[in-house]
N, C-alpha and C. Protein backbone atom coordinates (compact mmCIF):
# COMPACT_ATOMS: atom_id res chain seq x y z
N MET A 1 102.65 49.96 180.85
CA MET A 1 103.35 51.45 180.34
C MET A 1 104.07 51.24 179.39
N LYS A 2 105.17 49.70 179.42
CA LYS A 2 105.69 49.26 178.37
C LYS A 2 105.25 49.08 176.84
N ARG A 3 103.76 48.73 177.06
CA ARG A 3 103.29 48.01 176.30
C ARG A 3 102.93 49.74 175.57
N ASN A 4 102.40 50.49 176.47
CA ASN A 4 102.07 51.53 174.94
C ASN A 4 103.35 52.17 174.61
N THR A 5 104.12 52.27 175.11
CA THR A 5 105.62 52.97 174.69
C THR A 5 106.18 52.00 173.67
N LYS A 6 106.47 50.92 173.48
CA LYS A 6 106.54 50.09 172.47
C LYS A 6 105.48 50.32 171.10
N ALA A 7 104.16 50.23 171.31
CA ALA A 7 103.01 50.98 170.49
C ALA A 7 103.33 52.39 169.84
N ILE A 8 104.09 53.30 170.43
CA ILE A 8 104.08 54.64 169.93
C ILE A 8 105.40 54.55 168.92
N LEU A 9 106.63 53.61 169.56
CA LEU A 9 107.19 53.43 168.59
C LEU A 9 107.60 53.09 167.08
N ILE A 10 106.69 51.91 167.57
CA ILE A 10 106.15 51.25 166.17
C ILE A 10 105.19 52.22 165.48
N ALA A 11 104.61 52.92 165.69
CA ALA A 11 103.56 53.74 165.12
C ALA A 11 104.83 55.17 164.59
N ALA A 12 105.50 55.46 165.21
CA ALA A 12 106.36 56.75 164.88
C ALA A 12 107.51 55.93 163.66
N SER A 13 107.55 54.49 164.01
CA SER A 13 108.35 54.19 162.85
C SER A 13 107.54 53.65 161.46
N ALA A 14 106.75 53.37 161.74
CA ALA A 14 105.62 53.52 160.89
C ALA A 14 105.67 54.82 159.72
N LEU A 15 105.57 55.46 160.58
CA LEU A 15 105.14 57.37 160.16
C LEU A 15 106.25 57.53 159.17
N LEU A 16 107.41 56.99 159.55
CA LEU A 16 108.83 58.01 159.30
C LEU A 16 109.03 56.65 158.02
N ALA A 17 108.70 55.70 157.94
CA ALA A 17 108.79 55.15 156.63
C ALA A 17 107.78 55.09 155.99
N LEU A 18 106.48 55.70 155.99
CA LEU A 18 105.32 56.06 154.69
C LEU A 18 106.00 57.52 154.47
N THR A 19 106.78 58.29 155.07
CA THR A 19 107.25 59.73 154.94
C THR A 19 108.02 59.22 153.85
N MET A 20 109.24 58.82 153.91
CA MET A 20 110.28 58.61 153.45
C MET A 20 110.02 58.00 151.74
N ALA A 21 108.89 56.88 151.84
CA ALA A 21 108.66 56.21 150.74
C ALA A 21 107.68 57.00 149.59
N VAL A 22 107.07 58.00 150.41
CA VAL A 22 106.55 58.84 149.64
C VAL A 22 107.33 60.30 149.55
N VAL A 23 108.10 60.69 149.98
CA VAL A 23 109.34 61.14 149.70
C VAL A 23 110.02 60.72 148.22
N GLY A 24 109.92 59.55 148.37
CA GLY A 24 111.05 58.97 147.69
C GLY A 24 110.37 58.72 145.94
N THR A 25 109.02 58.85 146.16
CA THR A 25 108.11 58.50 144.84
C THR A 25 108.04 59.74 144.10
N VAL A 26 107.90 60.92 144.96
CA VAL A 26 107.20 62.23 143.67
C VAL A 26 108.07 62.52 143.05
N ALA A 27 107.09 62.58 142.15
CA ALA A 27 107.97 63.29 140.42
C ALA A 27 107.45 64.27 139.90
N PHE A 28 108.08 65.55 139.39
CA PHE A 28 107.25 66.40 138.96
C PHE A 28 107.18 66.56 137.65
N LEU A 29 106.16 67.52 137.44
CA LEU A 29 105.05 68.10 136.02
C LEU A 29 106.00 69.11 135.19
N ILE A 30 107.07 68.62 134.41
CA ILE A 30 107.76 70.15 133.77
C ILE A 30 107.60 69.64 132.58
N SER A 31 107.81 70.77 132.06
CA SER A 31 108.14 70.77 130.40
C SER A 31 108.85 71.67 129.70
N SER A 32 109.39 71.83 128.74
CA SER A 32 110.66 72.94 128.45
C SER A 32 110.55 73.46 126.93
N GLN A 33 110.82 74.20 126.46
CA GLN A 33 110.93 74.98 125.13
C GLN A 33 111.81 76.04 124.94
N GLU A 34 112.11 76.07 123.82
CA GLU A 34 113.28 77.08 123.42
C GLU A 34 112.90 78.09 121.92
N VAL A 35 112.99 79.20 122.34
CA VAL A 35 113.14 80.25 120.75
C VAL A 35 114.53 80.12 120.81
N VAL A 36 114.18 80.27 119.54
CA VAL A 36 115.44 80.67 118.77
C VAL A 36 114.92 81.98 117.83
N ASN A 37 115.65 83.21 118.09
CA ASN A 37 115.73 84.37 117.22
C ASN A 37 116.64 84.08 116.28
N THR A 38 116.21 85.03 114.89
CA THR A 38 117.70 85.11 114.06
C THR A 38 117.34 86.42 113.54
N PHE A 39 118.15 87.01 113.43
CA PHE A 39 118.24 88.61 112.93
C PHE A 39 118.98 88.24 111.54
N THR A 40 118.07 89.20 110.94
CA THR A 40 118.59 89.71 109.47
C THR A 40 119.01 91.42 109.41
N VAL A 41 119.60 91.82 108.57
CA VAL A 41 120.02 93.13 108.80
C VAL A 41 119.38 93.42 107.32
N GLY A 42 118.40 95.08 107.74
CA GLY A 42 117.71 95.33 106.71
C GLY A 42 118.68 96.17 105.64
N GLN A 43 118.26 96.51 105.04
CA GLN A 43 119.30 97.18 103.71
C GLN A 43 118.45 98.23 102.56
N VAL A 44 118.73 99.30 102.05
CA VAL A 44 118.04 100.16 101.44
C VAL A 44 119.27 100.56 99.99
N HIS A 45 118.76 100.12 99.24
CA HIS A 45 120.01 100.06 98.02
C HIS A 45 119.21 100.77 96.67
N ILE A 46 119.71 101.95 95.97
CA ILE A 46 119.12 101.91 94.80
C ILE A 46 120.10 102.41 93.57
N ASN A 47 119.80 102.61 92.41
CA ASN A 47 120.61 102.69 91.40
C ASN A 47 119.94 104.03 90.51
N LEU A 48 120.94 105.17 90.25
CA LEU A 48 120.46 106.17 89.59
C LEU A 48 121.41 106.38 88.33
N ASP A 49 120.58 105.98 86.94
CA ASP A 49 121.17 105.64 86.03
C ASP A 49 120.24 106.55 84.44
N GLU A 50 120.24 106.90 83.00
CA GLU A 50 119.75 107.27 82.20
C GLU A 50 120.13 107.03 80.85
N ALA A 51 119.35 107.29 80.05
CA ALA A 51 119.56 106.80 78.67
C ALA A 51 121.04 107.33 78.28
N ASP A 52 121.87 106.10 77.49
CA ASP A 52 122.90 106.80 76.83
C ASP A 52 122.74 107.30 75.70
N VAL A 53 123.03 108.84 75.59
CA VAL A 53 122.74 109.52 74.42
C VAL A 53 124.18 109.87 73.51
N ASP A 54 123.97 110.64 72.39
CA ASP A 54 125.35 111.29 71.63
C ASP A 54 125.07 112.39 71.97
N GLU A 55 126.37 113.40 71.42
CA GLU A 55 126.11 115.02 71.80
C GLU A 55 125.13 115.27 71.30
N ASP A 56 124.24 114.97 70.72
CA ASP A 56 123.01 115.38 69.98
C ASP A 56 122.10 115.47 70.55
N GLY A 57 122.16 114.39 71.72
CA GLY A 57 121.06 113.75 72.35
C GLY A 57 119.94 113.27 72.49
N ASP A 58 120.92 111.85 70.93
CA ASP A 58 120.19 111.08 70.40
C ASP A 58 120.89 109.91 71.16
N PRO A 59 119.38 109.08 71.46
CA PRO A 59 119.92 107.65 72.34
C PRO A 59 120.42 106.91 71.09
N VAL A 60 122.09 105.91 72.13
CA VAL A 60 122.10 105.27 70.94
C VAL A 60 122.01 103.98 71.31
N GLU A 61 121.28 103.28 69.99
CA GLU A 61 120.59 102.33 69.89
C GLU A 61 121.56 101.18 70.70
N GLY A 62 120.86 100.41 71.65
CA GLY A 62 121.41 99.11 71.85
C GLY A 62 122.49 99.36 73.19
N ALA A 63 122.74 100.66 73.66
CA ALA A 63 123.85 100.74 74.42
C ALA A 63 123.34 100.72 75.89
N ASP A 64 123.84 99.99 76.65
CA ASP A 64 123.25 100.40 78.46
C ASP A 64 123.15 101.36 79.10
N ARG A 65 122.29 101.56 80.07
CA ARG A 65 122.22 103.17 80.49
C ARG A 65 123.54 103.30 81.29
N VAL A 66 123.66 104.72 81.45
CA VAL A 66 124.73 105.06 81.98
C VAL A 66 124.37 106.10 83.00
N LYS A 67 125.90 106.48 83.51
CA LYS A 67 125.79 107.70 85.09
C LYS A 67 125.92 109.17 84.39
N GLY A 68 126.04 109.41 83.40
CA GLY A 68 126.11 110.92 82.88
C GLY A 68 126.32 110.74 81.07
N ASN A 69 125.98 112.28 80.70
CA ASN A 69 126.33 112.65 79.19
C ASN A 69 126.74 113.88 79.16
N GLU A 70 127.27 113.74 77.73
CA GLU A 70 127.93 115.29 77.38
C GLU A 70 127.26 115.73 76.47
N TYR A 71 126.61 116.68 76.12
CA TYR A 71 125.49 117.08 75.31
C TYR A 71 126.52 118.40 74.22
N HIS A 72 126.55 118.64 73.29
CA HIS A 72 126.51 120.09 72.79
C HIS A 72 125.49 121.09 72.00
N LEU A 73 125.36 121.98 73.29
CA LEU A 73 124.31 122.44 72.71
C LEU A 73 123.97 123.46 71.61
N VAL A 74 122.74 123.26 71.15
CA VAL A 74 122.24 123.97 69.63
C VAL A 74 120.64 124.70 70.35
N PRO A 75 120.94 125.64 69.86
CA PRO A 75 119.58 126.66 70.15
C PRO A 75 118.34 125.91 68.70
N GLY A 76 117.54 125.30 69.69
CA GLY A 76 115.88 125.03 69.35
C GLY A 76 116.31 123.54 69.45
N GLN A 77 117.20 122.74 70.00
CA GLN A 77 117.77 121.19 69.94
C GLN A 77 116.69 120.82 70.75
N THR A 78 116.39 119.53 70.96
CA THR A 78 116.13 118.90 71.93
C THR A 78 116.77 117.78 72.16
N TYR A 79 117.19 117.30 73.49
CA TYR A 79 118.18 116.24 74.07
C TYR A 79 117.04 115.42 75.09
N THR A 80 117.81 114.20 74.83
CA THR A 80 116.95 112.79 75.72
C THR A 80 117.77 113.06 76.55
N LYS A 81 117.18 113.36 77.90
CA LYS A 81 117.65 112.92 79.41
C LYS A 81 116.42 112.39 80.10
N ASP A 82 116.79 111.10 80.75
CA ASP A 82 115.46 110.50 81.79
C ASP A 82 116.41 110.07 82.81
N PRO A 83 116.69 110.83 83.87
CA PRO A 83 117.37 110.29 85.02
C PRO A 83 116.40 109.30 85.88
N THR A 84 116.73 108.37 85.73
CA THR A 84 115.66 107.21 87.09
C THR A 84 116.03 106.83 87.65
N VAL A 85 115.75 106.36 88.84
CA VAL A 85 115.92 105.71 89.93
C VAL A 85 115.63 104.36 90.51
N THR A 86 116.26 103.29 90.35
CA THR A 86 115.54 101.98 90.39
C THR A 86 115.93 101.64 92.16
N VAL A 87 114.81 101.00 92.91
CA VAL A 87 114.95 100.27 94.15
C VAL A 87 115.36 99.04 94.07
N LEU A 88 116.55 99.01 94.54
CA LEU A 88 116.99 97.46 94.30
C LEU A 88 116.12 96.28 94.84
N LYS A 89 115.57 95.21 94.51
CA LYS A 89 114.66 94.08 95.08
C LYS A 89 115.03 93.78 96.40
N GLY A 90 114.88 93.64 97.84
CA GLY A 90 115.25 93.21 98.72
C GLY A 90 115.43 94.83 99.91
N SER A 91 115.20 95.74 99.09
CA SER A 91 115.12 97.02 99.92
C SER A 91 114.25 96.91 100.87
N GLU A 92 114.56 97.52 101.97
CA GLU A 92 113.25 98.27 103.05
C GLU A 92 112.52 99.21 102.71
N GLU A 93 111.13 99.31 103.46
CA GLU A 93 110.37 100.59 102.93
C GLU A 93 111.16 101.74 102.67
N ALA A 94 111.00 102.32 101.79
CA ALA A 94 111.89 103.70 101.88
C ALA A 94 111.13 104.68 101.00
N TYR A 95 111.70 106.14 101.58
CA TYR A 95 111.65 106.97 100.89
C TYR A 95 112.27 107.56 100.06
N VAL A 96 111.69 107.76 98.57
CA VAL A 96 112.94 108.20 97.50
C VAL A 96 112.90 109.76 97.23
N ARG A 97 113.88 110.06 96.76
CA ARG A 97 113.89 111.67 96.33
C ARG A 97 114.89 111.75 95.34
N MET A 98 114.90 112.88 94.15
CA MET A 98 116.32 113.26 93.07
C MET A 98 116.29 114.49 93.97
N THR A 99 117.66 115.08 93.56
CA THR A 99 117.89 116.18 93.33
C THR A 99 118.78 116.83 92.41
N VAL A 100 118.03 117.71 91.57
CA VAL A 100 118.74 118.53 90.36
C VAL A 100 119.46 120.09 90.32
N THR A 101 120.51 120.12 90.24
CA THR A 101 121.73 121.43 90.32
C THR A 101 122.01 121.34 89.42
N LEU A 102 121.21 122.88 89.04
CA LEU A 102 121.79 123.87 87.66
C LEU A 102 123.25 124.49 88.39
N ASN A 103 124.32 124.64 87.33
CA ASN A 103 124.85 126.22 87.51
C ASN A 103 124.74 126.81 86.28
N LYS A 104 125.53 127.96 86.35
CA LYS A 104 125.09 129.15 85.54
C LYS A 104 123.90 129.93 85.38
N VAL A 105 123.28 129.82 86.74
CA VAL A 105 122.24 130.64 86.95
C VAL A 105 121.57 131.63 86.50
N ALA A 106 122.66 132.61 86.87
CA ALA A 106 122.52 134.27 86.68
C ALA A 106 122.54 134.58 85.26
N GLU A 107 123.36 133.57 84.61
CA GLU A 107 123.55 133.92 83.10
C GLU A 107 122.48 133.32 82.41
N LEU A 108 121.93 132.25 82.87
CA LEU A 108 120.26 131.46 82.79
C LEU A 108 118.92 132.91 82.51
N LYS A 109 119.13 133.27 83.55
CA LYS A 109 118.51 134.48 84.19
C LYS A 109 118.66 135.85 82.99
N ALA A 110 119.70 135.83 82.86
CA ALA A 110 119.71 137.28 81.78
C ALA A 110 119.59 137.01 80.71
N ILE A 111 119.43 135.48 80.18
CA ILE A 111 119.26 135.13 79.25
C ILE A 111 117.34 135.18 78.66
N LEU A 112 117.01 134.65 79.64
CA LEU A 112 115.85 134.07 79.66
C LEU A 112 114.67 134.73 80.99
N GLY A 113 115.36 135.84 81.45
CA GLY A 113 114.44 136.35 82.49
C GLY A 113 114.49 135.89 83.83
N ASP A 114 114.24 136.68 84.92
CA ASP A 114 114.24 136.26 86.21
C ASP A 114 113.37 135.39 86.65
N ASP A 115 111.84 135.03 85.62
CA ASP A 115 111.30 134.47 86.24
C ASP A 115 111.70 132.79 85.68
N PHE A 116 113.06 132.59 85.29
CA PHE A 116 113.36 131.60 84.50
C PHE A 116 113.08 130.29 85.33
N LEU A 117 112.43 128.86 84.99
CA LEU A 117 112.16 128.26 85.68
C LEU A 117 112.57 127.01 84.78
N PRO A 118 113.25 125.90 85.20
CA PRO A 118 113.88 124.68 84.37
C PRO A 118 112.46 124.27 83.88
N GLU A 119 111.33 124.03 85.01
CA GLU A 119 110.30 123.22 84.36
C GLU A 119 109.61 123.58 82.78
N ASN A 120 109.90 124.74 82.65
CA ASN A 120 109.23 125.37 81.04
C ASN A 120 109.88 124.65 80.25
N TYR A 121 111.26 124.22 80.21
CA TYR A 121 112.41 123.57 78.93
C TYR A 121 112.78 122.03 79.44
N VAL A 122 111.81 121.17 79.90
CA VAL A 122 111.76 119.86 80.18
C VAL A 122 110.20 119.60 79.82
N ALA A 123 110.04 117.95 79.24
CA ALA A 123 108.92 117.34 78.73
C ALA A 123 108.85 116.00 79.88
N GLY A 124 108.04 115.57 79.88
CA GLY A 124 108.36 114.38 80.68
C GLY A 124 107.61 114.29 82.40
N TRP A 125 107.31 115.65 82.80
CA TRP A 125 107.86 115.54 84.08
C TRP A 125 106.07 115.36 84.51
N ASP A 126 105.56 114.38 85.40
CA ASP A 126 104.83 114.53 86.21
C ASP A 126 104.62 114.93 87.70
N ARG A 127 104.34 116.05 87.98
CA ARG A 127 104.31 116.48 89.08
C ARG A 127 103.66 115.99 90.33
N ASP A 128 102.62 115.13 89.77
CA ASP A 128 101.99 113.95 90.61
C ASP A 128 102.83 112.85 91.54
N VAL A 129 103.87 112.90 90.19
CA VAL A 129 104.47 111.34 91.18
C VAL A 129 105.62 112.03 91.47
N TRP A 130 106.75 113.24 91.08
CA TRP A 130 107.63 113.62 91.17
C TRP A 130 107.79 115.18 91.96
N ASN A 131 107.39 115.03 92.87
CA ASN A 131 106.86 116.40 93.65
C ASN A 131 107.64 117.25 93.60
N CYS A 132 107.95 118.52 93.12
CA CYS A 132 109.02 119.06 93.66
C CYS A 132 108.91 120.53 95.22
N VAL A 133 109.47 120.13 96.20
CA VAL A 133 109.24 120.58 97.37
C VAL A 133 109.79 121.42 98.08
N GLU A 134 110.86 121.15 97.17
CA GLU A 134 111.59 122.70 97.36
C GLU A 134 112.73 123.25 96.59
N ILE A 135 113.18 124.62 96.35
CA ILE A 135 113.93 125.54 95.56
C ILE A 135 115.23 125.78 96.64
N THR A 136 116.41 125.67 96.19
CA THR A 136 117.26 126.12 97.19
C THR A 136 118.30 127.01 96.33
N ASP A 137 118.41 128.16 96.63
CA ASP A 137 119.68 128.93 96.36
C ASP A 137 121.21 128.76 96.87
N ASN A 138 122.23 128.03 96.18
CA ASN A 138 123.13 127.75 97.09
C ASN A 138 124.31 128.74 97.22
N GLY A 139 124.08 130.27 96.44
CA GLY A 139 124.56 130.99 96.94
C GLY A 139 126.19 130.89 96.33
N ASP A 140 126.11 130.50 95.16
CA ASP A 140 127.27 130.46 94.16
C ASP A 140 127.14 129.88 93.07
N ASN A 141 125.95 130.62 92.53
CA ASN A 141 125.29 130.76 91.03
C ASN A 141 125.06 129.54 90.81
N THR A 142 124.42 128.31 91.71
CA THR A 142 123.42 127.08 91.47
C THR A 142 122.34 127.34 92.63
N VAL A 143 121.83 126.68 91.84
CA VAL A 143 120.41 126.09 92.75
C VAL A 143 120.23 124.93 92.41
N THR A 144 119.32 123.99 93.36
CA THR A 144 119.10 122.73 93.69
C THR A 144 117.28 122.88 93.96
N TYR A 145 117.16 121.70 93.15
CA TYR A 145 115.40 121.69 93.20
C TYR A 145 115.51 120.23 93.94
N GLU A 146 114.33 120.02 94.86
CA GLU A 146 114.29 118.93 95.22
C GLU A 146 113.01 118.08 95.17
N PHE A 147 113.13 117.07 94.79
CA PHE A 147 111.88 115.68 93.55
C PHE A 147 111.49 115.11 94.53
N ARG A 148 110.38 114.62 95.20
CA ARG A 148 110.37 113.57 96.18
C ARG A 148 109.09 112.39 95.46
N TYR A 149 109.50 111.34 95.67
CA TYR A 149 108.50 110.39 94.75
C TYR A 149 107.39 110.33 95.88
N TYR A 150 106.30 110.41 95.04
CA TYR A 150 105.17 110.48 95.42
C TYR A 150 104.40 109.33 96.84
N GLU A 151 105.37 108.30 96.62
CA GLU A 151 104.76 107.05 97.52
C GLU A 151 106.01 106.44 98.27
N ILE A 152 106.06 105.69 99.35
CA ILE A 152 106.79 105.12 100.16
C ILE A 152 106.99 103.23 98.68
N VAL A 153 108.30 103.46 98.95
CA VAL A 153 108.66 102.30 97.58
C VAL A 153 108.77 101.10 98.24
N ASP A 154 108.41 99.71 98.41
CA ASP A 154 108.55 98.71 99.17
C ASP A 154 108.78 97.52 98.43
N ALA A 155 110.55 97.24 98.48
CA ALA A 155 110.62 96.17 97.92
C ALA A 155 111.72 94.80 98.19
N ARG A 156 110.94 94.82 99.77
CA ARG A 156 111.43 93.98 100.55
C ARG A 156 110.79 92.54 99.76
N ASP A 157 109.60 92.52 99.30
CA ASP A 157 109.42 91.01 98.41
C ASP A 157 109.11 90.94 97.26
N ALA A 158 109.76 91.70 96.56
CA ALA A 158 109.49 92.27 94.78
C ALA A 158 110.75 91.05 94.22
N ALA A 159 110.18 90.42 93.06
CA ALA A 159 110.70 89.33 92.35
C ALA A 159 112.10 89.94 91.62
N ASP A 160 111.68 91.48 91.33
CA ASP A 160 112.89 92.09 90.31
C ASP A 160 112.62 93.27 91.06
N ASP A 161 113.92 94.34 90.97
CA ASP A 161 114.38 95.64 90.98
C ASP A 161 112.66 96.53 90.49
N VAL A 162 112.51 97.17 91.49
CA VAL A 162 111.29 98.11 90.85
C VAL A 162 112.35 99.48 90.59
N VAL A 163 111.85 99.59 89.30
CA VAL A 163 112.23 101.01 88.02
C VAL A 163 111.26 102.17 88.61
N LEU A 164 111.26 103.21 89.19
CA LEU A 164 110.55 104.34 88.95
C LEU A 164 110.30 104.93 87.79
N ASP A 165 109.23 105.64 88.21
CA ASP A 165 109.07 106.77 86.25
C ASP A 165 110.13 107.96 86.73
N ALA A 166 110.88 108.15 85.06
CA ALA A 166 112.02 109.03 85.38
C ALA A 166 111.43 110.19 85.53
N LEU A 167 112.79 110.89 85.87
CA LEU A 167 112.01 112.23 86.86
C LEU A 167 111.27 113.12 85.49
N PHE A 168 112.00 113.30 84.17
CA PHE A 168 111.86 113.80 83.11
C PHE A 168 112.24 113.01 82.02
N ASP A 169 111.63 113.63 80.75
CA ASP A 169 112.38 112.68 79.58
C ASP A 169 113.51 113.42 78.87
N GLU A 170 113.36 114.90 78.73
CA GLU A 170 114.03 115.62 77.59
C GLU A 170 113.90 116.89 78.46
N PHE A 171 115.09 117.81 77.63
CA PHE A 171 115.28 119.13 77.90
C PHE A 171 115.22 119.96 76.51
N THR A 172 115.14 120.81 76.28
CA THR A 172 114.90 121.75 74.65
C THR A 172 115.86 123.01 75.32
N LEU A 173 116.61 123.53 74.56
CA LEU A 173 117.46 124.68 74.60
C LEU A 173 116.57 125.64 73.87
N PRO A 174 116.08 126.69 74.54
CA PRO A 174 115.15 127.81 73.46
C PRO A 174 115.87 128.21 71.89
N GLY A 175 114.92 128.00 71.27
CA GLY A 175 115.67 128.48 70.15
C GLY A 175 116.21 130.02 69.92
N ASP A 176 116.09 131.17 70.79
CA ASP A 176 116.25 132.43 70.27
C ASP A 176 117.56 132.36 71.26
N PHE A 177 118.38 131.75 71.23
CA PHE A 177 119.68 131.92 72.01
C PHE A 177 120.43 132.30 70.94
N THR A 178 121.11 133.39 70.95
CA THR A 178 122.65 133.86 70.50
C THR A 178 123.89 133.03 70.31
N ASN A 179 124.92 133.35 69.77
CA ASN A 179 126.14 132.84 69.87
C ASN A 179 126.56 133.19 71.20
N GLU A 180 126.57 134.79 71.49
CA GLU A 180 126.77 135.36 72.80
C GLU A 180 126.46 134.73 73.81
N ASP A 181 125.10 133.96 73.68
CA ASP A 181 124.39 133.39 74.95
C ASP A 181 124.70 132.10 74.80
N LEU A 182 125.06 131.83 74.47
CA LEU A 182 125.63 130.28 74.24
C LEU A 182 127.23 130.41 74.69
N LYS A 183 127.97 131.17 74.66
CA LYS A 183 129.36 131.46 75.15
C LYS A 183 128.95 131.78 76.51
N SER A 184 127.95 132.33 76.62
CA SER A 184 128.20 132.97 78.33
C SER A 184 127.45 131.41 79.38
N ILE A 185 127.16 130.52 78.62
CA ILE A 185 126.76 129.41 79.65
C ILE A 185 127.54 128.10 79.19
N GLU A 186 128.48 128.63 78.45
CA GLU A 186 129.63 127.70 78.03
C GLU A 186 129.96 126.52 79.02
N GLY A 187 129.83 125.06 79.74
CA GLY A 187 130.11 124.85 80.87
C GLY A 187 129.00 124.45 81.73
N PHE A 188 127.86 125.08 80.89
CA PHE A 188 126.65 124.49 81.70
C PHE A 188 126.48 122.86 82.10
N LYS A 189 125.82 122.70 83.45
CA LYS A 189 125.61 121.23 83.94
C LYS A 189 124.23 120.99 84.75
N ILE A 190 123.66 120.20 84.32
CA ILE A 190 122.30 119.85 85.48
C ILE A 190 123.16 118.28 86.09
N VAL A 191 123.54 118.39 87.28
CA VAL A 191 123.84 117.25 88.02
C VAL A 191 122.69 116.53 88.90
N VAL A 192 122.01 115.46 88.30
CA VAL A 192 121.22 114.60 89.02
C VAL A 192 121.34 113.75 90.67
N GLN A 193 121.33 113.80 91.43
CA GLN A 193 121.50 112.48 92.51
C GLN A 193 120.00 111.90 92.92
N GLY A 194 120.31 110.83 93.46
CA GLY A 194 119.03 110.22 94.06
C GLY A 194 119.58 110.15 95.31
N HIS A 195 118.68 109.79 96.21
CA HIS A 195 118.68 109.54 97.81
C HIS A 195 117.33 108.37 97.79
N ALA A 196 117.86 107.60 98.94
CA ALA A 196 116.66 106.96 99.69
C ALA A 196 116.97 106.59 101.27
N ILE A 197 115.87 107.00 101.79
CA ILE A 197 116.10 106.59 103.24
C ILE A 197 115.23 105.82 103.77
N GLN A 198 115.56 105.05 104.66
CA GLN A 198 114.13 103.65 105.16
C GLN A 198 113.11 104.47 105.85
N ALA A 199 112.18 104.19 105.84
CA ALA A 199 110.79 104.90 106.00
C ALA A 199 110.57 104.51 107.59
N THR A 200 110.70 103.40 107.77
CA THR A 200 110.63 102.82 109.20
C THR A 200 111.31 103.49 110.09
N GLY A 201 110.80 104.17 111.33
CA GLY A 201 111.18 105.12 112.45
C GLY A 201 110.64 106.29 112.35
N PHE A 202 110.47 106.76 111.14
CA PHE A 202 109.91 108.49 110.90
C PHE A 202 108.31 108.44 111.14
N GLU A 203 107.99 109.28 111.59
CA GLU A 203 106.74 109.93 111.50
C GLU A 203 106.04 109.96 110.14
N ASP A 204 106.83 110.85 109.02
CA ASP A 204 106.88 111.15 107.83
C ASP A 204 107.83 111.40 106.67
N ALA A 205 107.93 111.90 105.73
CA ALA A 205 108.51 112.01 104.72
C ALA A 205 109.92 113.55 105.44
N ASP A 206 108.93 114.40 106.15
CA ASP A 206 109.77 115.69 106.09
C ASP A 206 111.12 115.06 107.26
N ALA A 207 110.33 114.49 108.65
CA ALA A 207 111.42 114.16 109.39
C ALA A 207 112.21 113.11 108.90
N ALA A 208 111.97 112.19 107.96
CA ALA A 208 113.06 111.54 107.36
C ALA A 208 113.78 112.19 106.51
N TRP A 209 113.53 112.94 106.03
CA TRP A 209 115.06 113.44 104.89
C TRP A 209 115.48 114.50 106.05
N ALA A 210 115.03 115.02 107.05
CA ALA A 210 115.71 115.69 107.91
C ALA A 210 116.46 115.31 108.27
N ALA A 211 116.31 113.77 108.85
CA ALA A 211 117.47 112.93 109.46
C ALA A 211 118.62 112.62 108.71
N PHE A 212 118.23 112.55 107.11
CA PHE A 212 119.02 112.45 105.88
C PHE A 212 120.00 113.20 105.82
N ASN A 213 119.54 114.49 105.99
CA ASN A 213 120.32 115.76 105.54
C ASN A 213 120.94 116.01 106.80
N ASP A 214 120.97 115.29 108.14
CA ASP A 214 121.90 115.67 109.23
C ASP A 214 123.19 114.59 109.29
N GLN A 215 122.71 113.38 108.33
CA GLN A 215 124.10 112.43 108.16
C GLN A 215 124.94 112.94 107.74
N VAL A 216 124.14 113.39 106.40
CA VAL A 216 125.30 113.47 105.35
C VAL A 216 126.18 115.05 105.18
N LYS A 217 125.87 115.82 106.75
CA LYS A 217 126.84 116.87 106.48
C LYS A 217 128.14 116.93 106.70
């Protein structure tokens, strides 16, 4: 009986020693990696300018482009005016538009007729490039025309700024204006604005410009 008990103890001790030895030599197979995300901020930047001209509408040789000009109106005279949007390199994909606001609308219609349309007095406008999508009577004797560029402009990887086609090149004052007509439109202005909004996140241009209009109200 004592022999059997001793044998059991020896066996138990051996088993315990074996278990401890196995536990002591276990090594887990592991691996670890790290992913670091760096975020840059997207941006959309444009520039709007036109050729520098003298009061007769003739380009000033060697001059930088400007934000606006003053014109001396004479019947039958043609004046250089080429509003141009440039999308700066690095800008995100964007929708681009220009708005043109005219004042003295009632006076112009009194002279030129109720069917007065500015497009009949400008040259160089390509409606397939700059599509006129809306004409808004602002209720203060001004009217605004909205022109949208025909495609999304992507300047993210552009080597240089992306210069778009001019909205138009020149305008002409009809030759049958009288002195009284000219006096009635004294202070006439053409105000051009350029806008851009990111294309990402919008279903189409209508949705993008609706969001733009809401944001600038």
